[in-house]
PDB file of N, CA and C in Angstrom:
ATOM      1  N   UNK A   1       9.881 -31.345  -7.154  1.00  0.00           N
ATOM      2  CA  UNK A   1      11.338 -30.210  -5.832  1.00  0.00           C
ATOM      3  C   UNK A   1      10.675 -30.210  -4.461  1.00  0.00           C
ATOM      4  N   UNK A   2      11.113 -30.023  -4.171  1.00  0.00           N
ATOM      5  CA  UNK A   2      10.868 -30.158  -2.308  1.00  0.00           C
ATOM      6  C   UNK A   2      11.054 -28.383  -2.050  1.00  0.00           C
ATOM      7  N   UNK A   3       9.694 -27.835  -1.426  1.00  0.00           N
ATOM      8  CA  UNK A   3       9.340 -26.657  -1.283  1.00  0.00           C
ATOM      9  C   UNK A   3       9.803 -26.506   0.372  1.00  0.00           C
ATOM     10  N   UNK A   4      10.385 -25.680   0.642  1.00  0.00           N
ATOM     11  CA  UNK A   4      10.806 -25.063   2.302  1.00  0.00           C
ATOM     12  C   UNK A   4      10.680 -24.171   2.322  1.00  0.00           C
ATOM     13  N   UNK A   5      10.056 -23.233   3.674  1.00  0.00           N
ATOM     14  CA  UNK A   5       9.946 -22.117   4.474  1.00  0.00           C
ATOM     15  C   UNK A   5      10.568 -21.026   3.980  1.00  0.00           C
ATOM     16  N   UNK A   6      10.706 -20.237   3.567  1.00  0.00           N
ATOM     17  CA  UNK A   6      11.713 -18.970   3.588  1.00  0.00           C
ATOM     18  C   UNK A   6      11.640 -18.398   4.057  1.00  0.00           C
ATOM     19  N   UNK A   7      12.847 -18.109   5.235  1.00  0.00           N
ATOM     20  CA  UNK A   7      13.219 -17.903   6.356  1.00  0.00           C
ATOM     21  C   UNK A   7      14.357 -16.854   6.278  1.00  0.00           C
ATOM     22  N   UNK A   8      14.919 -16.744   4.721  1.00  0.00           N
ATOM     23  CA  UNK A   8      15.834 -15.777   4.822  1.00  0.00           C
ATOM     24  C   UNK A   8      15.988 -14.926   3.911  1.00  0.00           C
ATOM     25  N   UNK A   9      16.447 -13.670   3.310  1.00  0.00           N
ATOM     26  CA  UNK A   9      16.672 -13.156   1.955  1.00  0.00           C
ATOM     27  C   UNK A   9      16.929 -14.115   0.970  1.00  0.00           C
ATOM     28  N   UNK A  10      17.738 -15.215   1.707  1.00  0.00           N
ATOM     29  CA  UNK A  10      18.650 -16.161   0.481  1.00  0.00           C
ATOM     30  C   UNK A  10      17.366 -17.032  -0.210  1.00  0.00           C
ATOM     31  N   UNK A  11      16.767 -17.414   0.827  1.00  0.00           N
ATOM     32  CA  UNK A  11      15.714 -18.072   0.736  1.00  0.00           C
ATOM     33  C   UNK A  11      14.344 -17.563  -0.371  1.00  0.00           C
ATOM     34  N   UNK A  12      14.331 -16.354  -0.079  1.00  0.00           N
ATOM     35  CA  UNK A  12      13.459 -15.545  -0.676  1.00  0.00           C
ATOM     36  C   UNK A  12      13.720 -15.431  -1.962  1.00  0.00           C
ATOM     37  N   UNK A  13      14.953 -14.986  -2.371  1.00  0.00           N
ATOM     38  CA  UNK A  13      15.770 -15.108  -3.674  1.00  0.00           C
ATOM     39  C   UNK A  13      15.151 -16.053  -4.675  1.00  0.00           C
ATOM     40  N   UNK A  14      15.627 -17.100  -3.745  1.00  0.00           N
ATOM     41  CA  UNK A  14      15.693 -18.198  -4.602  1.00  0.00           C
ATOM     42  C   UNK A  14      13.949 -19.336  -5.364  1.00  0.00           C
ATOM     43  N   UNK A  15      13.206 -18.624  -4.106  1.00  0.00           N
ATOM     44  CA  UNK A  15      12.321 -18.762  -4.154  1.00  0.00           C
ATOM     45  C   UNK A  15      10.827 -18.060  -5.276  1.00  0.00           C
ATOM     46  N   UNK A  16      11.396 -16.529  -5.758  1.00  0.00           N
ATOM     47  CA  UNK A  16      11.202 -16.063  -6.709  1.00  0.00           C
ATOM     48  C   UNK A  16      11.748 -16.065  -8.246  1.00  0.00           C
ATOM     49  N   UNK A  17      12.980 -16.444  -7.908  1.00  0.00           N
ATOM     50  CA  UNK A  17      13.931 -17.395  -9.174  1.00  0.00           C
ATOM     51  C   UNK A  17      13.071 -18.619 -10.051  1.00  0.00           C
ATOM     52  N   UNK A  18      12.310 -18.783  -8.832  1.00  0.00           N
ATOM     53  CA  UNK A  18      11.821 -20.777  -9.685  1.00  0.00           C
ATOM     54  C   UNK A  18      10.354 -20.250  -9.220  1.00  0.00           C
ATOM     55  N   UNK A  19       9.879 -19.053  -8.485  1.00  0.00           N
ATOM     56  CA  UNK A  19       8.693 -19.062  -8.910  1.00  0.00           C
ATOM     57  C   UNK A  19       8.469 -18.564 -10.767  1.00  0.00           C
ATOM     58  N   UNK A  20       9.331 -17.456 -10.583  1.00  0.00           N
ATOM     59  CA  UNK A  20       9.657 -17.182 -12.093  1.00  0.00           C
ATOM     60  C   UNK A  20       9.566 -18.616 -13.101  1.00  0.00           C
ATOM     61  N   UNK A  21      10.391 -19.204 -13.185  1.00  0.00           N
ATOM     62  CA  UNK A  21      10.553 -20.573 -13.595  1.00  0.00           C
ATOM     63  C   UNK A  21       8.759 -21.168 -14.498  1.00  0.00           C
ATOM     64  N   UNK A  22       8.419 -21.044 -12.872  1.00  0.00           N
ATOM     65  CA  UNK A  22       7.533 -21.999 -13.141  1.00  0.00           C
ATOM     66  C   UNK A  22       5.872 -21.789 -13.346  1.00  0.00           C
ATOM     67  N   UNK A  23       6.463 -20.194 -13.375  1.00  0.00           N
ATOM     68  CA  UNK A  23       4.741 -19.255 -12.880  1.00  0.00           C
ATOM     69  C   UNK A  23       3.670 -19.814 -14.033  1.00  0.00           C
ATOM     70  N   UNK A  24       4.034 -19.996 -15.434  1.00  0.00           N
ATOM     71  CA  UNK A  24       3.155 -20.126 -16.127  1.00  0.00           C
ATOM     72  C   UNK A  24       2.805 -21.938 -16.439  1.00  0.00           C
ATOM     73  N   UNK A  25       2.738 -22.622 -15.663  1.00  0.00           N
ATOM     74  CA  UNK A  25       3.107 -24.113 -14.992  1.00  0.00           C
ATOM     75  C   UNK A  25       1.469 -24.250 -15.043  1.00  0.00           C
ATOM     76  N   UNK A  26       0.903 -25.368 -16.075  1.00  0.00           N
ATOM     77  CA  UNK A  26      -0.245 -25.821 -16.924  1.00  0.00           C
ATOM     78  C   UNK A  26      -1.610 -26.261 -15.726  1.00  0.00           C
ATOM     79  N   UNK A  27      -2.101 -25.354 -14.693  1.00  0.00           N
ATOM     80  CA  UNK A  27      -3.092 -25.587 -13.514  1.00  0.00           C
ATOM     81  C   UNK A  27      -3.453 -26.668 -13.932  1.00  0.00           C
ATOM     82  N   UNK A  28      -3.383 -28.170 -12.663  1.00  0.00           N
ATOM     83  CA  UNK A  28      -3.614 -28.666 -12.155  1.00  0.00           C
ATOM     84  C   UNK A  28      -2.429 -29.756 -12.443  1.00  0.00           C
ATOM     85  N   UNK A  29      -1.264 -29.045 -12.330  1.00  0.00           N
ATOM     86  CA  UNK A  29      -0.283 -30.026 -12.331  1.00  0.00           C
ATOM     87  C   UNK A  29       0.616 -29.675 -11.621  1.00  0.00           C
ATOM     88  N   UNK A  30       1.739 -30.869 -10.827  1.00  0.00           N
ATOM     89  CA  UNK A  30       2.294 -30.850  -9.662  1.00  0.00           C
ATOM     90  C   UNK A  30       3.229 -29.046  -9.330  1.00  0.00           C
ATOM     91  N   UNK A  31       3.720 -28.326 -10.305  1.00  0.00           N
ATOM     92  CA  UNK A  31       4.157 -27.653 -10.610  1.00  0.00           C
ATOM     93  C   UNK A  31       3.284 -26.028 -10.324  1.00  0.00           C
ATOM     94  N   UNK A  32       1.973 -26.316 -10.668  1.00  0.00           N
ATOM     95  CA  UNK A  32       0.834 -25.230 -10.881  1.00  0.00           C
ATOM     96  C   UNK A  32       1.243 -25.232  -9.306  1.00  0.00           C
ATOM     97  N   UNK A  33       0.900 -26.540  -8.385  1.00  0.00           N
ATOM     98  CA  UNK A  33       1.008 -26.517  -7.215  1.00  0.00           C
ATOM     99  C   UNK A  33       1.965 -25.708  -6.564  1.00  0.00           C
ATOM    100  N   UNK A  34       3.325 -26.163  -6.826  1.00  0.00           N
ATOM    101  CA  UNK A  34       4.465 -25.614  -6.127  1.00  0.00           C
ATOM    102  C   UNK A  34       4.595 -24.206  -6.438  1.00  0.00           C
ATOM    103  N   UNK A  35       3.796 -23.608  -7.343  1.00  0.00           N
ATOM    104  CA  UNK A  35       3.725 -21.900  -7.331  1.00  0.00           C
ATOM    105  C   UNK A  35       2.858 -21.519  -6.965  1.00  0.00           C
ATOM    106  N   UNK A  36       1.097 -21.894  -6.465  1.00  0.00           N
ATOM    107  CA  UNK A  36       0.542 -21.629  -6.128  1.00  0.00           C
ATOM    108  C   UNK A  36       1.299 -21.724  -4.374  1.00  0.00           C
ATOM    109  N   UNK A  37       1.658 -22.516  -4.059  1.00  0.00           N
ATOM    110  CA  UNK A  37       2.711 -22.273  -2.689  1.00  0.00           C
ATOM    111  C   UNK A  37       3.527 -21.480  -2.813  1.00  0.00           C
ATOM    112  N   UNK A  38       4.351 -22.045  -3.170  1.00  0.00           N
ATOM    113  CA  UNK A  38       5.428 -20.359  -3.472  1.00  0.00           C
ATOM    114  C   UNK A  38       4.796 -19.149  -3.176  1.00  0.00           C
ATOM    115  N   UNK A  39       3.663 -19.134  -4.223  1.00  0.00           N
ATOM    116  CA  UNK A  39       3.892 -17.140  -4.240  1.00  0.00           C
ATOM    117  C   UNK A  39       2.820 -16.826  -3.078  1.00  0.00           C
ATOM    118  N   UNK A  40       2.178 -17.604  -2.410  1.00  0.00           N
ATOM    119  CA  UNK A  40       2.045 -18.126  -0.461  1.00  0.00           C
ATOM    120  C   UNK A  40       3.004 -17.413   0.261  1.00  0.00           C
ATOM    121  N   UNK A  41       3.426 -18.196  -0.334  1.00  0.00           N
ATOM    122  CA  UNK A  41       4.839 -18.065   1.182  1.00  0.00           C
ATOM    123  C   UNK A  41       5.449 -16.460   1.598  1.00  0.00           C
ATOM    124  N   UNK A  42       6.041 -16.474  -0.418  1.00  0.00           N
ATOM    125  CA  UNK A  42       6.385 -15.065  -0.780  1.00  0.00           C
ATOM    126  C   UNK A  42       6.029 -13.660  -0.260  1.00  0.00           C
ATOM    127  N   UNK A  43       4.302 -14.584  -0.359  1.00  0.00           N
ATOM    128  CA  UNK A  43       3.601 -12.916   0.024  1.00  0.00           C
ATOM    129  C   UNK A  43       3.619 -12.583   1.266  1.00  0.00           C
ATOM    130  N   UNK A  44       3.649 -13.677   1.859  1.00  0.00           N
ATOM    131  CA  UNK A  44       3.943 -13.389   3.681  1.00  0.00           C
ATOM    132  C   UNK A  44       5.550 -12.910   4.084  1.00  0.00           C
ATOM    133  N   UNK A  45       6.404 -13.440   3.386  1.00  0.00           N
ATOM    134  CA  UNK A  45       7.732 -12.744   3.612  1.00  0.00           C
ATOM    135  C   UNK A  45       7.645 -11.439   3.505  1.00  0.00           C
ATOM    136  N   UNK A  46       7.121 -11.301   2.213  1.00  0.00           N
ATOM    137  CA  UNK A  46       7.094  -9.276   1.164  1.00  0.00           C
ATOM    138  C   UNK A  46       6.402  -8.699   2.754  1.00  0.00           C
ATOM    139  N   UNK A  47       5.146  -9.598   2.864  1.00  0.00           N
ATOM    140  CA  UNK A  47       4.053  -8.402   4.776  1.00  0.00           C
ATOM    141  C   UNK A  47       4.933  -8.128   5.790  1.00  0.00           C
ATOM    142  N   UNK A  48       6.112  -9.228   6.075  1.00  0.00           N
ATOM    143  CA  UNK A  48       6.981  -9.588   7.420  1.00  0.00           C
ATOM    144  C   UNK A  48       7.836  -8.306   7.081  1.00  0.00           C
ATOM    145  N   UNK A  49       8.163  -8.326   6.005  1.00  0.00           N
ATOM    146  CA  UNK A  49      10.053  -8.095   5.446  1.00  0.00           C
ATOM    147  C   UNK A  49      10.467  -6.405   4.799  1.00  0.00           C
ATOM    148  N   UNK A  50       8.897  -6.415   4.014  1.00  0.00           N
ATOM    149  CA  UNK A  50       9.005  -5.496   3.224  1.00  0.00           C
ATOM    150  C   UNK A  50       7.455  -4.193   3.288  1.00  0.00           C
ATOM    151  N   UNK A  51       7.328  -3.896   4.331  1.00  0.00           N
ATOM    152  CA  UNK A  51       5.880  -3.737   4.648  1.00  0.00           C
ATOM    153  C   UNK A  51       5.061  -2.699   3.958  1.00  0.00           C
ATOM    154  N   UNK A  52       4.693  -1.802   3.346  1.00  0.00           N
ATOM    155  CA  UNK A  52       4.006  -0.694   2.618  1.00  0.00           C
ATOM    156  C   UNK A  52       2.871  -0.285   3.851  1.00  0.00           C
ATOM    157  N   UNK A  53       3.401   0.804   3.924  1.00  0.00           N
ATOM    158  CA  UNK A  53       2.526   1.568   4.537  1.00  0.00           C
ATOM    159  C   UNK A  53       1.292   2.262   3.942  1.00  0.00           C
ATOM    160  N   UNK A  54       0.170   2.370   4.543  1.00  0.00           N
ATOM    161  CA  UNK A  54      -0.923   2.686   4.114  1.00  0.00           C
ATOM    162  C   UNK A  54      -0.757   4.282   3.902  1.00  0.00           C
ATOM    163  N   UNK A  55      -0.899   4.975   2.523  1.00  0.00           N
ATOM    164  CA  UNK A  55      -1.246   5.792   2.629  1.00  0.00           C
ATOM    165  C   UNK A  55      -1.811   7.303   3.536  1.00  0.00           C
ATOM    166  N   UNK A  56      -1.664   8.291   3.673  1.00  0.00           N
ATOM    167  CA  UNK A  56      -2.041   9.789   4.352  1.00  0.00           C
ATOM    168  C   UNK A  56      -2.908   9.919   3.751  1.00  0.00           C
ATOM    169  N   UNK A  57      -4.311  10.624   4.719  1.00  0.00           N
ATOM    170  CA  UNK A  57      -5.457  10.515   4.182  1.00  0.00           C
ATOM    171  C   UNK A  57      -5.369  11.149   2.865  1.00  0.00           C
ATOM    172  N   UNK A  58      -4.589  12.580   2.902  1.00  0.00           N
ATOM    173  CA  UNK A  58      -4.721  13.204   1.471  1.00  0.00           C
ATOM    174  C   UNK A  58      -3.765  12.946   0.289  1.00  0.00           C
ATOM    175  N   UNK A  59      -3.270  11.592   0.978  1.00  0.00           N
ATOM    176  CA  UNK A  59      -2.440  11.158  -0.041  1.00  0.00           C
ATOM    177  C   UNK A  59      -3.491  10.257  -1.061  1.00  0.00           C
ATOM    178  N   UNK A  60      -4.434   9.555  -0.063  1.00  0.00           N
ATOM    179  CA  UNK A  60      -5.437   8.245  -0.015  1.00  0.00           C
ATOM    180  C   UNK A  60      -6.851   9.566  -1.029  1.00  0.00           C
ATOM    181  N   UNK A  61      -7.048  10.211  -0.401  1.00  0.00           N
ATOM    182  CA  UNK A  61      -8.066  10.825  -1.416  1.00  0.00           C
ATOM    183  C   UNK A  61      -7.480  11.064  -2.740  1.00  0.00           C
ATOM    184  N   UNK A  62      -6.516  11.714  -2.887  1.00  0.00           N
ATOM    185  CA  UNK A  62      -6.068  12.181  -4.406  1.00  0.00           C
ATOM    186  C   UNK A  62      -5.618  11.021  -5.170  1.00  0.00           C
ATOM    187  N   UNK A  63      -5.173   9.851  -4.910  1.00  0.00           N
ATOM    188  CA  UNK A  63      -4.845   8.272  -5.543  1.00  0.00           C
ATOM    189  C   UNK A  63      -6.766   8.066  -6.316  1.00  0.00           C
ATOM    190  N   UNK A  64      -7.665   8.397  -5.098  1.00  0.00           N
ATOM    191  CA  UNK A  64      -8.667   7.488  -5.378  1.00  0.00           C
ATOM    192  C   UNK A  64      -9.708   8.072  -5.829  1.00  0.00           C
ATOM    193  N   UNK A  65      -9.644  10.137  -6.266  1.00  0.00           N
ATOM    194  CA  UNK A  65      -9.820  11.209  -7.050  1.00  0.00           C
ATOM    195  C   UNK A  65      -9.406  10.857  -9.202  1.00  0.00           C
ATOM    196  N   UNK A  66      -7.949  10.345  -8.846  1.00  0.00           N
ATOM    197  CA  UNK A  66      -7.171   9.939  -9.925  1.00  0.00           C
ATOM    198  C   UNK A  66      -8.424   8.996 -10.436  1.00  0.00           C
ATOM    199  N   UNK A  67      -8.197   7.841  -9.874  1.00  0.00           N
ATOM    200  CA  UNK A  67      -8.618   6.623 -10.174  1.00  0.00           C
ATOM    201  C   UNK A  67      -9.942   6.625 -10.549  1.00  0.00           C
ATOM    202  N   UNK A  68     -11.130   6.907  -9.921  1.00  0.00           N
ATOM    203  CA  UNK A  68     -12.333   7.810 -10.320  1.00  0.00           C
ATOM    204  C   UNK A  68     -12.401   8.787 -11.237  1.00  0.00           C
ATOM    205  N   UNK A  69     -10.915   9.614 -11.641  1.00  0.00           N
ATOM    206  CA  UNK A  69     -11.249  10.464 -12.958  1.00  0.00           C
ATOM    207  C   UNK A  69     -11.596  12.207 -12.422  1.00  0.00           C
ATOM    208  N   UNK A  70     -11.803  12.553 -10.661  1.00  0.00           N
ATOM    209  CA  UNK A  70     -12.621  13.320 -10.112  1.00  0.00           C
ATOM    210  C   UNK A  70     -11.748  14.258  -9.996  1.00  0.00           C
ATOM    211  N   UNK A  71     -11.989  15.475 -10.405  1.00  0.00           N
ATOM    212  CA  UNK A  71     -11.492  16.696 -10.521  1.00  0.00           C
ATOM    213  C   UNK A  71     -11.878  17.152  -8.276  1.00  0.00           C
ATOM    214  N   UNK A  72     -11.283  18.198  -8.441  1.00  0.00           N
ATOM    215  CA  UNK A  72     -11.270  19.010  -6.891  1.00  0.00           C
ATOM    216  C   UNK A  72     -12.796  19.693  -7.232  1.00  0.00           C
ATOM    217  N   UNK A  73     -13.507  20.085  -7.833  1.00  0.00           N
ATOM    218  CA  UNK A  73     -14.854  19.794  -7.822  1.00  0.00           C
ATOM    219  C   UNK A  73     -15.882  19.498  -7.637  1.00  0.00           C
ATOM    220  N   UNK A  74     -15.819  17.770  -8.184  1.00  0.00           N
ATOM    221  CA  UNK A  74     -16.988  16.977  -7.450  1.00  0.00           C
ATOM    222  C   UNK A  74     -16.702  16.844  -6.046  1.00  0.00           C
ATOM    223  N   UNK A  75     -14.908  17.475  -5.141  1.00  0.00           N
ATOM    224  CA  UNK A  75     -15.624  17.327  -3.554  1.00  0.00           C
ATOM    225  C   UNK A  75     -16.316  18.001  -2.890  1.00  0.00           C
ATOM    226  N   UNK A  76     -16.701  18.986  -3.677  1.00  0.00           N
ATOM    227  CA  UNK A  76     -17.287  20.354  -2.973  1.00  0.00           C
ATOM    228  C   UNK A  76     -17.797  19.334  -2.383  1.00  0.00           C
ATOM    229  N   UNK A  77     -19.230  18.732  -2.301  1.00  0.00           N
ATOM    230  CA  UNK A  77     -20.629  18.805  -1.544  1.00  0.00           C
ATOM    231  C   UNK A  77     -19.767  17.917  -0.449  1.00  0.00           C
ATOM    232  N   UNK A  78     -19.011  17.169  -0.550  1.00  0.00           N
ATOM    233  CA  UNK A  78     -17.702  16.497   0.759  1.00  0.00           C
ATOM    234  C   UNK A  78     -16.842  17.666   1.562  1.00  0.00           C
ATOM    235  N   UNK A  79     -16.600  17.955   1.320  1.00  0.00           N
ATOM    236  CA  UNK A  79     -15.912  19.148   2.036  1.00  0.00           C
ATOM    237  C   UNK A  79     -16.245  20.288   2.003  1.00  0.00           C
ATOM    238  N   UNK A  80     -17.234  21.418   1.176  1.00  0.00           N
ATOM    239  CA  UNK A  80     -17.551  22.368   1.294  1.00  0.00           C
ATOM    240  C   UNK A  80     -17.464  23.357   0.855  1.00  0.00           C
ATOM    241  N   UNK A  81     -17.310  23.522  -0.858  1.00  0.00           N
ATOM    242  CA  UNK A  81     -16.465  24.530  -1.290  1.00  0.00           C
ATOM    243  C   UNK A  81     -15.182  24.277  -1.726  1.00  0.00           C
ATOM    244  N   UNK A  82     -15.222  25.258  -2.963  1.00  0.00           N
ATOM    245  CA  UNK A  82     -14.163  25.504  -3.604  1.00  0.00           C
ATOM    246  C   UNK A  82     -12.688  24.841  -2.748  1.00  0.00           C
ATOM    247  N   UNK A  83     -12.788  26.383  -1.575  1.00  0.00           N
ATOM    248  CA  UNK A  83     -11.153  26.556  -1.240  1.00  0.00           C
ATOM    249  C   UNK A  83     -10.861  25.813  -0.325  1.00  0.00           C
ATOM    250  N   UNK A  84     -12.318  25.342   0.404  1.00  0.00           N
ATOM    251  CA  UNK A  84     -11.905  24.543   1.478  1.00  0.00           C
ATOM    252  C   UNK A  84     -11.299  23.297   0.981  1.00  0.00           C
ATOM    253  N   UNK A  85     -11.854  22.805  -0.052  1.00  0.00           N
ATOM    254  CA  UNK A  85     -11.298  21.638  -1.058  1.00  0.00           C
ATOM    255  C   UNK A  85      -9.457  22.138  -0.703  1.00  0.00           C
ATOM    256  N   UNK A  86      -8.839  23.125  -1.991  1.00  0.00           N
ATOM    257  CA  UNK A  86      -8.230  23.028  -2.070  1.00  0.00           C
ATOM    258  C   UNK A  86      -6.974  23.584  -0.491  1.00  0.00           C
ATOM    259  N   UNK A  87      -8.347  24.340   0.306  1.00  0.00           N
ATOM    260  CA  UNK A  87      -7.335  23.429   1.624  1.00  0.00           C
ATOM    261  C   UNK A  87      -6.926  21.749   2.260  1.00  0.00           C
ATOM    262  N   UNK A  88      -7.757  21.091   1.981  1.00  0.00           N
ATOM    263  CA  UNK A  88      -7.586  19.849   2.304  1.00  0.00           C
ATOM    264  C   UNK A  88      -6.118  19.407   1.586  1.00  0.00           C
ATOM    265  N   UNK A  89      -6.641  19.399   0.440  1.00  0.00           N
ATOM    266  CA  UNK A  89      -5.362  18.719  -0.766  1.00  0.00           C
ATOM    267  C   UNK A  89      -4.306  19.736  -0.838  1.00  0.00           C
ATOM    268  N   UNK A  90      -3.895  20.416   0.008  1.00  0.00           N
ATOM    269  CA  UNK A  90      -3.001  20.996  -0.291  1.00  0.00           C
ATOM    270  C   UNK A  90      -1.940  21.063   1.476  1.00  0.00           C
ATOM    271  N   UNK A  91      -3.065  20.177   2.228  1.00  0.00           N
ATOM    272  CA  UNK A  91      -2.741  20.307   3.671  1.00  0.00           C
ATOM    273  C   UNK A  91      -2.258  21.612   4.098  1.00  0.00           C
ATOM    274  N   UNK A  92      -3.980  22.236   3.967  1.00  0.00           N
ATOM    275  CA  UNK A  92      -4.119  23.604   4.990  1.00  0.00           C
ATOM    276  C   UNK A  92      -4.986  23.544   5.993  1.00  0.00           C
ATOM    277  N   UNK A  93      -5.624  22.155   5.965  1.00  0.00           N
ATOM    278  CA  UNK A  93      -6.863  22.102   6.908  1.00  0.00           C
ATOM    279  C   UNK A  93      -6.906  20.581   7.187  1.00  0.00           C
ATOM    280  N   UNK A  94      -7.292  20.700   8.057  1.00  0.00           N
ATOM    281  CA  UNK A  94      -7.549  19.104   8.565  1.00  0.00           C
ATOM    282  C   UNK A  94      -8.456  18.557   8.198  1.00  0.00           C
ATOM    283  N   UNK A  95      -9.328  16.884   8.020  1.00  0.00           N
ATOM    284  CA  UNK A  95     -10.285  16.923   7.518  1.00  0.00           C
ATOM    285  C   UNK A  95     -11.129  16.842   8.729  1.00  0.00           C
ATOM    286  N   UNK A  96     -12.680  16.793   9.318  1.00  0.00           N
ATOM    287  CA  UNK A  96     -13.605  17.143   9.965  1.00  0.00           C
ATOM    288  C   UNK A  96     -14.391  15.609   9.899  1.00  0.00           C
ATOM    289  N   UNK A  97     -14.917  15.078  10.849  1.00  0.00           N
ATOM    290  CA  UNK A  97     -15.293  13.775  11.063  1.00  0.00           C
ATOM    291  C   UNK A  97     -16.481  14.524   9.995  1.00  0.00           C
ATOM    292  N   UNK A  98     -17.359  15.240   9.892  1.00  0.00           N
ATOM    293  CA  UNK A  98     -18.210  15.222   8.573  1.00  0.00           C
ATOM    294  C   UNK A  98     -17.764  15.166   7.386  1.00  0.00           C
ATOM    295  N   UNK A  99     -16.538  15.276   7.181  1.00  0.00           N
ATOM    296  CA  UNK A  99     -16.145  15.252   5.967  1.00  0.00           C
ATOM    297  C   UNK A  99     -15.754  13.964   5.775  1.00  0.00           C
ATOM    298  N   UNK A 100     -15.175  13.681   6.848  1.00  0.00           N
ATOM    299  CA  UNK A 100     -14.635  12.087   6.872  1.00  0.00           C
ATOM    300  C   UNK A 100     -15.472  10.945   5.987  1.00  0.00           C
ATOM    301  N   UNK A 101     -16.752  11.738   6.967  1.00  0.00           N
ATOM    302  CA  UNK A 101     -18.109  10.806   6.461  1.00  0.00           C
ATOM    303  C   UNK A 101     -18.619  10.684   5.052  1.00  0.00           C
ATOM    304  N   UNK A 102     -18.536  11.445   4.596  1.00  0.00           N
ATOM    305  CA  UNK A 102     -19.215  11.667   3.172  1.00  0.00           C
ATOM    306  C   UNK A 102     -18.299  11.550   2.489  1.00  0.00           C
ATOM    307  N   UNK A 103     -16.463  11.668   2.656  1.00  0.00           N
ATOM    308  CA  UNK A 103     -16.190  11.592   1.518  1.00  0.00           C
ATOM    309  C   UNK A 103     -15.529   9.807   1.774  1.00  0.00           C
ATOM    310  N   UNK A 104     -15.968   8.901   2.655  1.00  0.00           N
ATOM    311  CA  UNK A 104     -16.208   7.441   3.089  1.00  0.00           C
ATOM    312  C   UNK A 104     -16.971   6.884   1.762  1.00  0.00           C
ATOM    313  N   UNK A 105     -18.237   8.132   1.733  1.00  0.00           N
ATOM    314  CA  UNK A 105     -19.480   7.721   0.913  1.00  0.00           C
ATOM    315  C   UNK A 105     -18.739   7.509  -0.265  1.00  0.00           C
ATOM    316  N   UNK A 106     -18.807   9.047  -0.487  1.00  0.00           N
ATOM    317  CA  UNK A 106     -18.220   9.373  -1.863  1.00  0.00           C
ATOM    318  C   UNK A 106     -17.338   8.833  -2.842  1.00  0.00           C
ATOM    319  N   UNK A 107     -15.954   8.114  -1.830  1.00  0.00           N
ATOM    320  CA  UNK A 107     -15.035   7.971  -2.837  1.00  0.00           C
ATOM    321  C   UNK A 107     -14.836   6.195  -2.371  1.00  0.00           C
ATOM    322  N   UNK A 108     -15.625   6.175  -1.640  1.00  0.00           N
ATOM    323  CA  UNK A 108     -15.802   4.510  -1.272  1.00  0.00           C
ATOM    324  C   UNK A 108     -14.327   3.804  -0.568  1.00  0.00           C
ATOM    325  N   UNK A 109     -13.650   4.987   0.458  1.00  0.00           N
ATOM    326  CA  UNK A 109     -12.816   4.673   1.182  1.00  0.00           C
ATOM    327  C   UNK A 109     -13.111   4.248   2.490  1.00  0.00           C
ATOM    328  N   UNK A 110     -11.884   3.944   3.190  1.00  0.00           N
ATOM    329  CA  UNK A 110     -12.843   2.968   4.733  1.00  0.00           C
ATOM    330  C   UNK A 110     -12.019   4.145   5.494  1.00  0.00           C
ATOM    331  N   UNK A 111     -13.172   4.435   6.564  1.00  0.00           N
ATOM    332  CA  UNK A 111     -12.649   5.621   7.382  1.00  0.00           C
ATOM    333  C   UNK A 111     -11.756   5.754   8.150  1.00  0.00           C
ATOM    334  N   UNK A 112     -10.978   4.587   8.523  1.00  0.00           N
ATOM    335  CA  UNK A 112      -9.990   4.236   9.190  1.00  0.00           C
ATOM    336  C   UNK A 112      -8.530   4.630   8.632  1.00  0.00           C
ATOM    337  N   UNK A 113      -9.090   4.630   7.351  1.00  0.00           N
ATOM    338  CA  UNK A 113      -7.292   5.163   6.671  1.00  0.00           C
ATOM    339  C   UNK A 113      -7.656   6.596   6.142  1.00  0.00           C
ATOM    340  N   UNK A 114      -9.357   7.404   6.158  1.00  0.00           N
ATOM    341  CA  UNK A 114      -9.524   9.210   6.317  1.00  0.00           C
ATOM    342  C   UNK A 114      -8.910   9.731   8.239  1.00  0.00           C
ATOM    343  N   UNK A 115      -8.989   8.538   8.760  1.00  0.00           N
ATOM    344  CA  UNK A 115      -8.810   9.374   9.748  1.00  0.00           C
ATOM    345  C   UNK A 115      -7.211   9.409  11.024  1.00  0.00           C
ATOM    346  N   UNK A 116      -6.207   8.753   9.773  1.00  0.00           N
ATOM    347  CA  UNK A 116      -5.066   8.847  10.760  1.00  0.00           C
ATOM    348  C   UNK A 116      -4.742  10.368   9.943  1.00  0.00           C
ATOM    349  N   UNK A 117      -3.492  10.528  11.247  1.00  0.00           N
ATOM    350  CA  UNK A 117      -3.195  11.712  11.551  1.00  0.00           C
ATOM    351  C   UNK A 117      -1.768  11.653   9.814  1.00  0.00           C
ATOM    352  N   UNK A 118      -2.073  13.173   9.947  1.00  0.00           N
ATOM    353  CA  UNK A 118      -1.564  14.207   8.619  1.00  0.00           C
ATOM    354  C   UNK A 118      -0.468  15.165   9.369  1.00  0.00           C
ATOM    355  N   UNK A 119       0.905  15.755   8.357  1.00  0.00           N
ATOM    356  CA  UNK A 119       1.082  17.219   8.306  1.00  0.00           C
ATOM    357  C   UNK A 119       0.126  17.693   7.885  1.00  0.00           C
ATOM    358  N   UNK A 120      -0.062  18.992   8.715  1.00  0.00           N
ATOM    359  CA  UNK A 120       0.214  19.889   7.491  1.00  0.00           C
ATOM    360  C   UNK A 120       0.713  20.736   6.966  1.00  0.00           C
ATOM    361  N   UNK A 121       1.201  21.323   6.453  1.00  0.00           N
ATOM    362  CA  UNK A 121       1.946  22.650   5.131  1.00  0.00           C
ATOM    363  C   UNK A 121       2.124  24.013   6.092  1.00  0.00           C
ATOM    364  N   UNK A 122       2.994  24.727   6.191  1.00  0.00           N
ATOM    365  CA  UNK A 122       2.738  26.392   6.128  1.00  0.00           C
ATOM    366  C   UNK A 122       2.303  27.428   5.882  1.00  0.00           C
TER     367      UNK A 122
END
């Protein structure tokens, strides 16, 4: 099958269907090579047309806490007190630079992700 660039939604849908058909092709075969190329083109198209925004800092912290099976008390050293952790996770208080530094190390998160703006709740 001749591979062509994905330029339209129709091309994208066709590529998805084709990839589904050849996805399990034996490695090293022409169909496997075609699947690799289609996957790259589909990924590129999706990044341009269906971008996923990074979570806000509080969401990122909550996601990582869940992944690492951490509880709020596990953030006390990084944030400073149980009530302060609760205020941060409930969006009542903003993260400070010092908190961001400590959370970056503790949770292995990018500082760039944690410095993004987010709305406080009232």
